[in-house]
Every structure is written in C-alpha cells, then in structure tokens.
PDB file of N, CA and C in Angstrom:
ATOM      1  N   MET A   1      11.989   2.888   9.405  1.00  0.00           N
ATOM      2  CA  MET A   1      11.631   4.085   8.676  1.00  0.00           C
ATOM      3  C   MET A   1      12.799   4.563   7.834  1.00  0.00           C
ATOM      4  N   GLU A   2      12.444   5.175   6.725  1.00  0.00           N
ATOM      5  CA  GLU A   2      13.487   5.723   5.879  1.00  0.00           C
ATOM      6  C   GLU A   2      14.122   6.929   6.557  1.00  0.00           C
ATOM      7  N   ASN A   3      15.303   7.282   6.110  1.00  0.00           N
ATOM      8  CA  ASN A   3      16.023   8.424   6.652  1.00  0.00           C
ATOM      9  C   ASN A   3      15.260   9.709   6.354  1.00  0.00           C
ATOM     10  N   ASN A   4      14.821  10.409   7.402  1.00  0.00           N
ATOM     11  CA  ASN A   4      14.035  11.635   7.244  1.00  0.00           C
ATOM     12  C   ASN A   4      14.851  12.797   6.692  1.00  0.00           C
ATOM     13  N   ASN A   5      16.179  12.717   6.755  1.00  0.00           N
ATOM     14  CA  ASN A   5      17.024  13.828   6.309  1.00  0.00           C
ATOM     15  C   ASN A   5      16.975  14.051   4.808  1.00  0.00           C
ATOM     16  N   LYS A   6      16.579  13.055   4.030  1.00  0.00           N
ATOM     17  CA  LYS A   6      16.588  13.233   2.579  1.00  0.00           C
ATOM     18  C   LYS A   6      15.303  13.867   2.049  1.00  0.00           C
ATOM     19  N   TYR A   7      14.357  14.151   2.913  1.00  0.00           N
ATOM     20  CA  TYR A   7      13.085  14.744   2.495  1.00  0.00           C
ATOM     21  C   TYR A   7      13.070  16.225   2.824  1.00  0.00           C
ATOM     22  N   THR A   8      12.509  17.005   1.909  1.00  0.00           N
ATOM     23  CA  THR A   8      12.477  18.450   2.103  1.00  0.00           C
ATOM     24  C   THR A   8      11.346  18.887   3.023  1.00  0.00           C
ATOM     25  N   CYS A   9      10.292  18.059   3.110  1.00  0.00           N
ATOM     26  CA  CYS A   9       9.161  18.388   3.979  1.00  0.00           C
ATOM     27  C   CYS A   9       8.315  17.130   4.186  1.00  0.00           C
ATOM     28  N   PRO A  10       7.350  17.155   5.091  1.00  0.00           N
ATOM     29  CA  PRO A  10       6.505  15.984   5.330  1.00  0.00           C
ATOM     30  C   PRO A  10       5.732  15.532   4.094  1.00  0.00           C
ATOM     31  N   ILE A  11       5.326  16.468   3.245  1.00  0.00           N
ATOM     32  CA  ILE A  11       4.601  16.094   2.026  1.00  0.00           C
ATOM     33  C   ILE A  11       5.523  15.302   1.099  1.00  0.00           C
ATOM     34  N   ASP A  12       6.762  15.716   0.990  1.00  0.00           N
ATOM     35  CA  ASP A  12       7.749  15.008   0.186  1.00  0.00           C
ATOM     36  C   ASP A  12       7.881  13.562   0.671  1.00  0.00           C
ATOM     37  N   PHE A  13       7.974  13.368   1.975  1.00  0.00           N
ATOM     38  CA  PHE A  13       8.073  12.026   2.550  1.00  0.00           C
ATOM     39  C   PHE A  13       6.826  11.204   2.245  1.00  0.00           C
ATOM     40  N   THR A  14       5.651  11.787   2.466  1.00  0.00           N
ATOM     41  CA  THR A  14       4.393  11.080   2.224  1.00  0.00           C
ATOM     42  C   THR A  14       4.265  10.690   0.758  1.00  0.00           C
ATOM     43  N   MET A  15       4.590  11.595  -0.134  1.00  0.00           N
ATOM     44  CA  MET A  15       4.489  11.299  -1.564  1.00  0.00           C
ATOM     45  C   MET A  15       5.489  10.231  -1.989  1.00  0.00           C
ATOM     46  N   SER A  16       6.629  10.157  -1.316  1.00  0.00           N
ATOM     47  CA  SER A  16       7.594   9.106  -1.654  1.00  0.00           C
ATOM     48  C   SER A  16       7.029   7.724  -1.327  1.00  0.00           C
ATOM     49  N   LEU A  17       6.127   7.665  -0.373  1.00  0.00           N
ATOM     50  CA  LEU A  17       5.501   6.395   0.005  1.00  0.00           C
ATOM     51  C   LEU A  17       4.225   6.111  -0.772  1.00  0.00           C
ATOM     52  N   LEU A  18       3.436   7.133  -1.065  1.00  0.00           N
ATOM     53  CA  LEU A  18       2.104   6.920  -1.625  1.00  0.00           C
ATOM     54  C   LEU A  18       1.921   7.432  -3.048  1.00  0.00           C
ATOM     55  N   GLY A  19       2.894   8.154  -3.576  1.00  0.00           N
ATOM     56  CA  GLY A  19       2.691   8.880  -4.821  1.00  0.00           C
ATOM     57  C   GLY A  19       2.928   8.115  -6.102  1.00  0.00           C
ATOM     58  N   ASP A  20       3.110   6.817  -6.034  1.00  0.00           N
ATOM     59  CA  ASP A  20       3.315   6.075  -7.281  1.00  0.00           C
ATOM     60  C   ASP A  20       2.021   5.378  -7.694  1.00  0.00           C
ATOM     61  N   LYS A  21       2.068   4.681  -8.801  1.00  0.00           N
ATOM     62  CA  LYS A  21       0.878   4.076  -9.395  1.00  0.00           C
ATOM     63  C   LYS A  21       0.231   3.004  -8.511  1.00  0.00           C
ATOM     64  N   TRP A  22       1.018   2.249  -7.760  1.00  0.00           N
ATOM     65  CA  TRP A  22       0.497   1.050  -7.105  1.00  0.00           C
ATOM     66  C   TRP A  22       0.271   1.164  -5.601  1.00  0.00           C
ATOM     67  N   SER A  23       0.887   2.102  -4.941  1.00  0.00           N
ATOM     68  CA  SER A  23       0.839   2.155  -3.471  1.00  0.00           C
ATOM     69  C   SER A  23      -0.569   2.202  -2.906  1.00  0.00           C
ATOM     70  N   MET A  24      -1.378   3.084  -3.420  1.00  0.00           N
ATOM     71  CA  MET A  24      -2.725   3.214  -2.877  1.00  0.00           C
ATOM     72  C   MET A  24      -3.563   1.977  -3.148  1.00  0.00           C
ATOM     73  N   TRP A  25      -3.378   1.350  -4.315  1.00  0.00           N
ATOM     74  CA  TRP A  25      -4.085   0.098  -4.611  1.00  0.00           C
ATOM     75  C   TRP A  25      -3.760  -0.951  -3.544  1.00  0.00           C
ATOM     76  N   ILE A  26      -2.479  -1.079  -3.245  1.00  0.00           N
ATOM     77  CA  ILE A  26      -2.039  -2.097  -2.284  1.00  0.00           C
ATOM     78  C   ILE A  26      -2.604  -1.798  -0.903  1.00  0.00           C
ATOM     79  N   LEU A  27      -2.462  -0.577  -0.450  1.00  0.00           N
ATOM     80  CA  LEU A  27      -2.955  -0.215   0.880  1.00  0.00           C
ATOM     81  C   LEU A  27      -4.472  -0.339   0.963  1.00  0.00           C
ATOM     82  N   TRP A  28      -5.166   0.064  -0.080  1.00  0.00           N
ATOM     83  CA  TRP A  28      -6.629  -0.069  -0.106  1.00  0.00           C
ATOM     84  C   TRP A  28      -7.021  -1.541   0.006  1.00  0.00           C
ATOM     85  N   SER A  29      -6.301  -2.392  -0.692  1.00  0.00           N
ATOM     86  CA  SER A  29      -6.600  -3.823  -0.680  1.00  0.00           C
ATOM     87  C   SER A  29      -6.376  -4.443   0.691  1.00  0.00           C
ATOM     88  N   LEU A  30      -5.402  -3.925   1.431  1.00  0.00           N
ATOM     89  CA  LEU A  30      -5.071  -4.490   2.744  1.00  0.00           C
ATOM     90  C   LEU A  30      -5.898  -3.916   3.882  1.00  0.00           C
ATOM     91  N   GLN A  31      -6.729  -2.942   3.613  1.00  0.00           N
ATOM     92  CA  GLN A  31      -7.431  -2.266   4.708  1.00  0.00           C
ATOM     93  C   GLN A  31      -8.432  -3.147   5.445  1.00  0.00           C
ATOM     94  N   ASN A  32      -8.908  -4.211   4.815  1.00  0.00           N
ATOM     95  CA  ASN A  32      -9.909  -5.062   5.476  1.00  0.00           C
ATOM     96  C   ASN A  32      -9.323  -6.310   6.107  1.00  0.00           C
ATOM     97  N   GLY A  33      -8.005  -6.410   6.124  1.00  0.00           N
ATOM     98  CA  GLY A  33      -7.387  -7.549   6.781  1.00  0.00           C
ATOM     99  C   GLY A  33      -6.265  -8.149   5.967  1.00  0.00           C
ATOM    100  N   PRO A  34      -5.621  -9.166   6.541  1.00  0.00           N
ATOM    101  CA  PRO A  34      -4.453  -9.771   5.899  1.00  0.00           C
ATOM    102  C   PRO A  34      -4.788 -10.446   4.575  1.00  0.00           C
ATOM    103  N   LEU A  35      -3.819 -10.377   3.663  1.00  0.00           N
ATOM    104  CA  LEU A  35      -3.951 -11.038   2.365  1.00  0.00           C
ATOM    105  C   LEU A  35      -2.633 -11.708   2.010  1.00  0.00           C
ATOM    106  N   ARG A  36      -2.737 -12.788   1.264  1.00  0.00           N
ATOM    107  CA  ARG A  36      -1.549 -13.444   0.740  1.00  0.00           C
ATOM    108  C   ARG A  36      -1.130 -12.743  -0.550  1.00  0.00           C
ATOM    109  N   PHE A  37       0.093 -13.004  -0.969  1.00  0.00           N
ATOM    110  CA  PHE A  37       0.654 -12.347  -2.147  1.00  0.00           C
ATOM    111  C   PHE A  37      -0.243 -12.549  -3.365  1.00  0.00           C
ATOM    112  N   GLY A  38      -0.644 -13.790  -3.614  1.00  0.00           N
ATOM    113  CA  GLY A  38      -1.477 -14.095  -4.776  1.00  0.00           C
ATOM    114  C   GLY A  38      -2.822 -13.398  -4.730  1.00  0.00           C
ATOM    115  N   GLU A  39      -3.384 -13.273  -3.525  1.00  0.00           N
ATOM    116  CA  GLU A  39      -4.662 -12.569  -3.379  1.00  0.00           C
ATOM    117  C   GLU A  39      -4.494 -11.095  -3.725  1.00  0.00           C
ATOM    118  N   LEU A  40      -3.412 -10.506  -3.240  1.00  0.00           N
ATOM    119  CA  LEU A  40      -3.139  -9.103  -3.561  1.00  0.00           C
ATOM    120  C   LEU A  40      -2.971  -8.920  -5.072  1.00  0.00           C
ATOM    121  N   LYS A  41      -2.220  -9.796  -5.682  1.00  0.00           N
ATOM    122  CA  LYS A  41      -1.972  -9.683  -7.124  1.00  0.00           C
ATOM    123  C   LYS A  41      -3.278  -9.764  -7.906  1.00  0.00           C
ATOM    124  N   ARG A  42      -4.183 -10.641  -7.493  1.00  0.00           N
ATOM    125  CA  ARG A  42      -5.472 -10.765  -8.192  1.00  0.00           C
ATOM    126  C   ARG A  42      -6.353  -9.528  -7.997  1.00  0.00           C
ATOM    127  N   LEU A  43      -6.226  -8.859  -6.867  1.00  0.00           N
ATOM    128  CA  LEU A  43      -7.052  -7.685  -6.579  1.00  0.00           C
ATOM    129  C   LEU A  43      -6.583  -6.418  -7.304  1.00  0.00           C
ATOM    130  N   ILE A  44      -5.342  -6.424  -7.773  1.00  0.00           N
ATOM    131  CA  ILE A  44      -4.756  -5.213  -8.354  1.00  0.00           C
ATOM    132  C   ILE A  44      -4.492  -5.449  -9.839  1.00  0.00           C
ATOM    133  N   PRO A  45      -5.401  -5.001 -10.701  1.00  0.00           N
ATOM    134  CA  PRO A  45      -5.258  -5.252 -12.137  1.00  0.00           C
ATOM    135  C   PRO A  45      -3.996  -4.626 -12.709  1.00  0.00           C
ATOM    136  N   GLY A  46      -3.230  -5.432 -13.416  1.00  0.00           N
ATOM    137  CA  GLY A  46      -2.070  -4.916 -14.137  1.00  0.00           C
ATOM    138  C   GLY A  46      -0.753  -4.908 -13.380  1.00  0.00           C
ATOM    139  N   ILE A  47      -0.755  -5.142 -12.087  1.00  0.00           N
ATOM    140  CA  ILE A  47       0.503  -5.112 -11.345  1.00  0.00           C
ATOM    141  C   ILE A  47       1.290  -6.396 -11.622  1.00  0.00           C
ATOM    142  N   THR A  48       2.591  -6.248 -11.773  1.00  0.00           N
ATOM    143  CA  THR A  48       3.446  -7.417 -11.975  1.00  0.00           C
ATOM    144  C   THR A  48       3.907  -7.949 -10.626  1.00  0.00           C
ATOM    145  N   GLU A  49       4.359  -9.183 -10.612  1.00  0.00           N
ATOM    146  CA  GLU A  49       4.877  -9.759  -9.363  1.00  0.00           C
ATOM    147  C   GLU A  49       6.074  -8.966  -8.868  1.00  0.00           C
ATOM    148  N   LYS A  50       6.939  -8.574  -9.782  1.00  0.00           N
ATOM    149  CA  LYS A  50       8.126  -7.796  -9.410  1.00  0.00           C
ATOM    150  C   LYS A  50       7.730  -6.481  -8.732  1.00  0.00           C
ATOM    151  N   MET A  51       6.781  -5.770  -9.328  1.00  0.00           N
ATOM    152  CA  MET A  51       6.357  -4.488  -8.763  1.00  0.00           C
ATOM    153  C   MET A  51       5.670  -4.684  -7.414  1.00  0.00           C
ATOM    154  N   LEU A  52       4.831  -5.707  -7.299  1.00  0.00           N
ATOM    155  CA  LEU A  52       4.168  -5.973  -6.021  1.00  0.00           C
ATOM    156  C   LEU A  52       5.199  -6.290  -4.950  1.00  0.00           C
ATOM    157  N   ASN A  53       6.202  -7.090  -5.284  1.00  0.00           N
ATOM    158  CA  ASN A  53       7.280  -7.388  -4.335  1.00  0.00           C
ATOM    159  C   ASN A  53       8.005  -6.121  -3.899  1.00  0.00           C
ATOM    160  N   GLN A  54       8.332  -5.262  -4.859  1.00  0.00           N
ATOM    161  CA  GLN A  54       9.041  -4.014  -4.543  1.00  0.00           C
ATOM    162  C   GLN A  54       8.212  -3.124  -3.620  1.00  0.00           C
ATOM    163  N   GLN A  55       6.932  -2.995  -3.927  1.00  0.00           N
ATOM    164  CA  GLN A  55       6.064  -2.131  -3.132  1.00  0.00           C
ATOM    165  C   GLN A  55       5.891  -2.689  -1.719  1.00  0.00           C
ATOM    166  N   LEU A  56       5.683  -3.993  -1.611  1.00  0.00           N
ATOM    167  CA  LEU A  56       5.524  -4.602  -0.285  1.00  0.00           C
ATOM    168  C   LEU A  56       6.796  -4.451   0.536  1.00  0.00           C
ATOM    169  N   LYS A  57       7.940  -4.578  -0.115  1.00  0.00           N
ATOM    170  CA  LYS A  57       9.215  -4.388   0.589  1.00  0.00           C
ATOM    171  C   LYS A  57       9.344  -2.944   1.083  1.00  0.00           C
ATOM    172  N   LYS A  58       8.955  -1.988   0.230  1.00  0.00           N
ATOM    173  CA  LYS A  58       8.996  -0.575   0.631  1.00  0.00           C
ATOM    174  C   LYS A  58       8.108  -0.348   1.852  1.00  0.00           C
ATOM    175  N   PHE A  59       6.920  -0.921   1.833  1.00  0.00           N
ATOM    176  CA  PHE A  59       6.002  -0.746   2.959  1.00  0.00           C
ATOM    177  C   PHE A  59       6.480  -1.451   4.222  1.00  0.00           C
ATOM    178  N   THR A  60       7.076  -2.616   4.087  1.00  0.00           N
ATOM    179  CA  THR A  60       7.588  -3.302   5.281  1.00  0.00           C
ATOM    180  C   THR A  60       8.787  -2.546   5.845  1.00  0.00           C
ATOM    181  N   ASN A  61       9.641  -2.016   4.977  1.00  0.00           N
ATOM    182  CA  ASN A  61      10.802  -1.237   5.446  1.00  0.00           C
ATOM    183  C   ASN A  61      10.390   0.047   6.163  1.00  0.00           C
ATOM    184  N   ASN A  62       9.192   0.541   5.856  1.00  0.00           N
ATOM    185  CA  ASN A  62       8.699   1.784   6.469  1.00  0.00           C
ATOM    186  C   ASN A  62       7.638   1.522   7.538  1.00  0.00           C
ATOM    187  N   SER A  63       7.547   0.286   7.991  1.00  0.00           N
ATOM    188  CA  SER A  63       6.639  -0.098   9.094  1.00  0.00           C
ATOM    189  C   SER A  63       5.175   0.194   8.793  1.00  0.00           C
ATOM    190  N   ILE A  64       4.784   0.106   7.528  1.00  0.00           N
ATOM    191  CA  ILE A  64       3.397   0.310   7.136  1.00  0.00           C
ATOM    192  C   ILE A  64       2.692  -1.029   6.980  1.00  0.00           C
ATOM    193  N   VAL A  65       3.440  -2.025   6.547  1.00  0.00           N
ATOM    194  CA  VAL A  65       2.913  -3.377   6.334  1.00  0.00           C
ATOM    195  C   VAL A  65       3.821  -4.368   7.048  1.00  0.00           C
ATOM    196  N   VAL A  66       3.211  -5.413   7.584  1.00  0.00           N
ATOM    197  CA  VAL A  66       3.954  -6.520   8.194  1.00  0.00           C
ATOM    198  C   VAL A  66       3.834  -7.735   7.286  1.00  0.00           C
ATOM    199  N   ARG A  67       4.946  -8.404   7.100  1.00  0.00           N
ATOM    200  CA  ARG A  67       4.983  -9.669   6.360  1.00  0.00           C
ATOM    201  C   ARG A  67       5.085 -10.781   7.397  1.00  0.00           C
ATOM    202  N   LYS A  68       4.060 -11.617   7.461  1.00  0.00           N
ATOM    203  CA  LYS A  68       4.039 -12.695   8.449  1.00  0.00           C
ATOM    204  C   LYS A  68       4.174 -14.032   7.742  1.00  0.00           C
ATOM    205  N   VAL A  69       5.205 -14.776   8.116  1.00  0.00           N
ATOM    206  CA  VAL A  69       5.456 -16.093   7.540  1.00  0.00           C
ATOM    207  C   VAL A  69       5.035 -17.140   8.564  1.00  0.00           C
ATOM    208  N   TYR A  70       4.162 -18.040   8.147  1.00  0.00           N
ATOM    209  CA  TYR A  70       3.693 -19.105   9.020  1.00  0.00           C
ATOM    210  C   TYR A  70       4.575 -20.339   8.824  1.00  0.00           C
ATOM    211  N   PRO A  71       4.909 -21.022   9.921  1.00  0.00           N
ATOM    212  CA  PRO A  71       5.778 -22.205   9.835  1.00  0.00           C
ATOM    213  C   PRO A  71       5.011 -23.423   9.324  1.00  0.00           C
ATOM    214  N   GLU A  72       4.691 -23.411   8.055  1.00  0.00           N
ATOM    215  CA  GLU A  72       3.949 -24.490   7.423  1.00  0.00           C
ATOM    216  C   GLU A  72       4.704 -24.941   6.174  1.00  0.00           C
ATOM    217  N   VAL A  73       4.334 -26.093   5.681  1.00  0.00           N
ATOM    218  CA  VAL A  73       4.889 -26.581   4.424  1.00  0.00           C
ATOM    219  C   VAL A  73       3.733 -26.805   3.468  1.00  0.00           C
ATOM    220  N   PRO A  74       3.680 -26.109   2.336  1.00  0.00           N
ATOM    221  CA  PRO A  74       4.571 -25.010   1.953  1.00  0.00           C
ATOM    222  C   PRO A  74       4.319 -23.785   2.816  1.00  0.00           C
ATOM    223  N   PRO A  75       5.312 -22.894   2.896  1.00  0.00           N
ATOM    224  CA  PRO A  75       5.170 -21.707   3.749  1.00  0.00           C
ATOM    225  C   PRO A  75       3.996 -20.831   3.297  1.00  0.00           C
ATOM    226  N   ARG A  76       3.283 -20.326   4.258  1.00  0.00           N
ATOM    227  CA  ARG A  76       2.190 -19.390   3.977  1.00  0.00           C
ATOM    228  C   ARG A  76       2.653 -18.018   4.451  1.00  0.00           C
ATOM    229  N   VAL A  77       2.518 -17.034   3.581  1.00  0.00           N
ATOM    230  CA  VAL A  77       2.932 -15.669   3.898  1.00  0.00           C
ATOM    231  C   VAL A  77       1.730 -14.759   3.741  1.00  0.00           C
ATOM    232  N   GLU A  78       1.503 -13.937   4.748  1.00  0.00           N
ATOM    233  CA  GLU A  78       0.422 -12.952   4.692  1.00  0.00           C
ATOM    234  C   GLU A  78       0.986 -11.565   4.945  1.00  0.00           C
ATOM    235  N   TYR A  79       0.296 -10.589   4.387  1.00  0.00           N
ATOM    236  CA  TYR A  79       0.653  -9.185   4.580  1.00  0.00           C
ATOM    237  C   TYR A  79      -0.527  -8.483   5.223  1.00  0.00           C
ATOM    238  N   HIS A  80      -0.231  -7.636   6.200  1.00  0.00           N
ATOM    239  CA  HIS A  80      -1.300  -6.836   6.799  1.00  0.00           C
ATOM    240  C   HIS A  80      -0.748  -5.493   7.253  1.00  0.00           C
ATOM    241  N   LEU A  81      -1.661  -4.547   7.387  1.00  0.00           N
ATOM    242  CA  LEU A  81      -1.270  -3.206   7.813  1.00  0.00           C
ATOM    243  C   LEU A  81      -0.849  -3.217   9.274  1.00  0.00           C
ATOM    244  N   THR A  82       0.187  -2.465   9.576  1.00  0.00           N
ATOM    245  CA  THR A  82       0.575  -2.234  10.965  1.00  0.00           C
ATOM    246  C   THR A  82      -0.351  -1.152  11.535  1.00  0.00           C
ATOM    247  N   GLN A  83      -0.187  -0.846  12.790  1.00  0.00           N
ATOM    248  CA  GLN A  83      -0.954   0.258  13.368  1.00  0.00           C
ATOM    249  C   GLN A  83      -0.613   1.554  12.629  1.00  0.00           C
ATOM    250  N   HIS A  84       0.645   1.700  12.292  1.00  0.00           N
ATOM    251  CA  HIS A  84       1.111   2.862  11.518  1.00  0.00           C
ATOM    252  C   HIS A  84       0.410   2.893  10.152  1.00  0.00           C
ATOM    253  N   GLY A  85       0.303   1.742   9.507  1.00  0.00           N
ATOM    254  CA  GLY A  85      -0.382   1.641   8.231  1.00  0.00           C
ATOM    255  C   GLY A  85      -1.874   1.882   8.348  1.00  0.00           C
ATOM    256  N   GLU A  86      -2.453   1.406   9.446  1.00  0.00           N
ATOM    257  CA  GLU A  86      -3.892   1.613   9.680  1.00  0.00           C
ATOM    258  C   GLU A  86      -4.226   3.100   9.722  1.00  0.00           C
ATOM    259  N   SER A  87      -3.272   3.911  10.163  1.00  0.00           N
ATOM    260  CA  SER A  87      -3.527   5.351  10.255  1.00  0.00           C
ATOM    261  C   SER A  87      -3.712   5.990   8.878  1.00  0.00           C
ATOM    262  N   LEU A  88      -3.387   5.275   7.805  1.00  0.00           N
ATOM    263  CA  LEU A  88      -3.579   5.788   6.451  1.00  0.00           C
ATOM    264  C   LEU A  88      -4.988   5.554   5.916  1.00  0.00           C
ATOM    265  N   LYS A  89      -5.776   4.741   6.595  1.00  0.00           N
ATOM    266  CA  LYS A  89      -7.115   4.407   6.098  1.00  0.00           C
ATOM    267  C   LYS A  89      -7.973   5.642   5.857  1.00  0.00           C
ATOM    268  N   ALA A  90      -7.940   6.579   6.777  1.00  0.00           N
ATOM    269  CA  ALA A  90      -8.759   7.789   6.629  1.00  0.00           C
ATOM    270  C   ALA A  90      -8.343   8.584   5.397  1.00  0.00           C
ATOM    271  N   ILE A  91      -7.043   8.649   5.144  1.00  0.00           N
ATOM    272  CA  ILE A  91      -6.536   9.364   3.968  1.00  0.00           C
ATOM    273  C   ILE A  91      -7.008   8.676   2.692  1.00  0.00           C
ATOM    274  N   LEU A  92      -6.899   7.349   2.658  1.00  0.00           N
ATOM    275  CA  LEU A  92      -7.320   6.596   1.476  1.00  0.00           C
ATOM    276  C   LEU A  92      -8.807   6.780   1.211  1.00  0.00           C
ATOM    277  N   LEU A  93      -9.598   6.778   2.269  1.00  0.00           N
ATOM    278  CA  LEU A  93     -11.040   6.964   2.118  1.00  0.00           C
ATOM    279  C   LEU A  93     -11.348   8.354   1.558  1.00  0.00           C
ATOM    280  N   LEU A  94     -10.675   9.379   2.058  1.00  0.00           N
ATOM    281  CA  LEU A  94     -10.890  10.737   1.546  1.00  0.00           C
ATOM    282  C   LEU A  94     -10.494  10.848   0.069  1.00  0.00           C
ATOM    283  N   ILE A  95      -9.396  10.222  -0.312  1.00  0.00           N
ATOM    284  CA  ILE A  95      -8.971  10.255  -1.710  1.00  0.00           C
ATOM    285  C   ILE A  95      -9.995   9.542  -2.584  1.00  0.00           C
ATOM    286  N   ARG A  96     -10.500   8.410  -2.102  1.00  0.00           N
ATOM    287  CA  ARG A  96     -11.526   7.678  -2.856  1.00  0.00           C
ATOM    288  C   ARG A  96     -12.793   8.528  -3.020  1.00  0.00           C
ATOM    289  N   GLN A  97     -13.227   9.163  -1.922  1.00  0.00           N
ATOM    290  CA  GLN A  97     -14.433  10.001  -1.972  1.00  0.00           C
ATOM    291  C   GLN A  97     -14.239  11.173  -2.926  1.00  0.00           C
ATOM    292  N   TRP A  98     -13.069  11.784  -2.879  1.00  0.00           N
ATOM    293  CA  TRP A  98     -12.797  12.894  -3.785  1.00  0.00           C
ATOM    294  C   TRP A  98     -12.896  12.412  -5.230  1.00  0.00           C
ATOM    295  N   GLY A  99     -12.312  11.256  -5.514  1.00  0.00           N
ATOM    296  CA  GLY A  99     -12.368  10.699  -6.863  1.00  0.00           C
ATOM    297  C   GLY A  99     -13.789  10.423  -7.320  1.00  0.00           C
ATOM    298  N   GLU A 100     -14.610   9.871  -6.428  1.00  0.00           N
ATOM    299  CA  GLU A 100     -16.007   9.599  -6.776  1.00  0.00           C
ATOM    300  C   GLU A 100     -16.746  10.881  -7.104  1.00  0.00           C
ATOM    301  N   GLU A 101     -16.486  11.930  -6.333  1.00  0.00           N
ATOM    302  CA  GLU A 101     -17.176  13.201  -6.535  1.00  0.00           C
ATOM    303  C   GLU A 101     -16.722  13.927  -7.800  1.00  0.00           C
ATOM    304  N   HIS A 102     -15.491  13.728  -8.201  1.00  0.00           N
ATOM    305  CA  HIS A 102     -14.936  14.510  -9.305  1.00  0.00           C
ATOM    306  C   HIS A 102     -14.695  13.713 -10.593  1.00  0.00           C
ATOM    307  N   LEU A 103     -14.919  12.429 -10.568  1.00  0.00           N
ATOM    308  CA  LEU A 103     -14.687  11.598 -11.742  1.00  0.00           C
ATOM    309  C   LEU A 103     -15.530  12.033 -12.937  1.00  0.00           C
ATOM    310  N   SER A 104     -16.745  12.460 -12.670  1.00  0.00           N
ATOM    311  CA  SER A 104     -17.643  12.817 -13.765  1.00  0.00           C
ATOM    312  C   SER A 104     -17.269  14.123 -14.453  1.00  0.00           C
ATOM    313  N   ILE A 105     -16.441  14.949 -13.835  1.00  0.00           N
ATOM    314  CA  ILE A 105     -16.079  16.224 -14.444  1.00  0.00           C
ATOM    315  C   ILE A 105     -14.699  16.212 -15.086  1.00  0.00           C
ATOM    316  N   ARG A 106     -14.065  15.065 -15.126  1.00  0.00           N
ATOM    317  CA  ARG A 106     -12.720  14.997 -15.687  1.00  0.00           C
ATOM    318  C   ARG A 106     -12.740  15.238 -17.184  1.00  0.00           C
ATOM    319  N   LYS A 107     -11.616  15.720 -17.678  1.00  0.00           N
ATOM    320  CA  LYS A 107     -11.456  15.936 -19.107  1.00  0.00           C
ATOM    321  C   LYS A 107     -10.288  15.063 -19.569  1.00  0.00           C
ATOM    322  N   GLU A 108     -10.469  14.450 -20.703  1.00  0.00           N
ATOM    323  CA  GLU A 108      -9.396  13.565 -21.199  1.00  0.00           C
ATOM    324  C   GLU A 108      -8.627  14.212 -22.290  1.00  0.00           C
TER     325      GLU A 108
END
C-alpha cells in the first residue's frame, strides 16, 4: 500500500487510485476474471501499452491487482483482482449505473 501520510483524507487516497482516465476501465475489465496484458489492451480503446503498464504497476503496488507469471515458454502473464480489488466491484457498478441513468441529460 502507498504511504497513507501523504493523503489528506480517504477520498484523496481513493481518487489517487481511481480518479484518472484509465483506472476504472482496467478494473471493470478485470472484474470477471483474469486477463492477459494483450486482452486488457484490446478491451480498453485508446490505451497505450506504456499507460497500461503504469496503471497495472500502480494497482499491483497497492494490492488491488495480482500479476501472475506462469513458468512457461514463452512466459504467460495474467492479471486479476485481489480480494482487496474485488471490494471495488460494487463501487464500479454504482458508477456505471449512475452513468447510464444520467448520460441522456448531459450537456456538451
């Protein structure tokens, strides 16, 4: 886990993990089970390999995602939510539902 002393409140900490463009896409994609890097990249339109790597590293450093390397040639790597990460599913679902309900009233 990241150092809690640098956050002003729990919302600040949560937003540091989820408040960027790609975090929710990645977590939403992993909610139904493990995925390989290439599968994740295909599921998330517009994300670069560099950004996906950075986000996955952030999530693994914060015990939200596990990176599992299988002893095969070539190596197979999968990413999946930890129990800690699984606890975010309800939040992601609520955000998705809110978006569905309010998308039609948005102003551009």
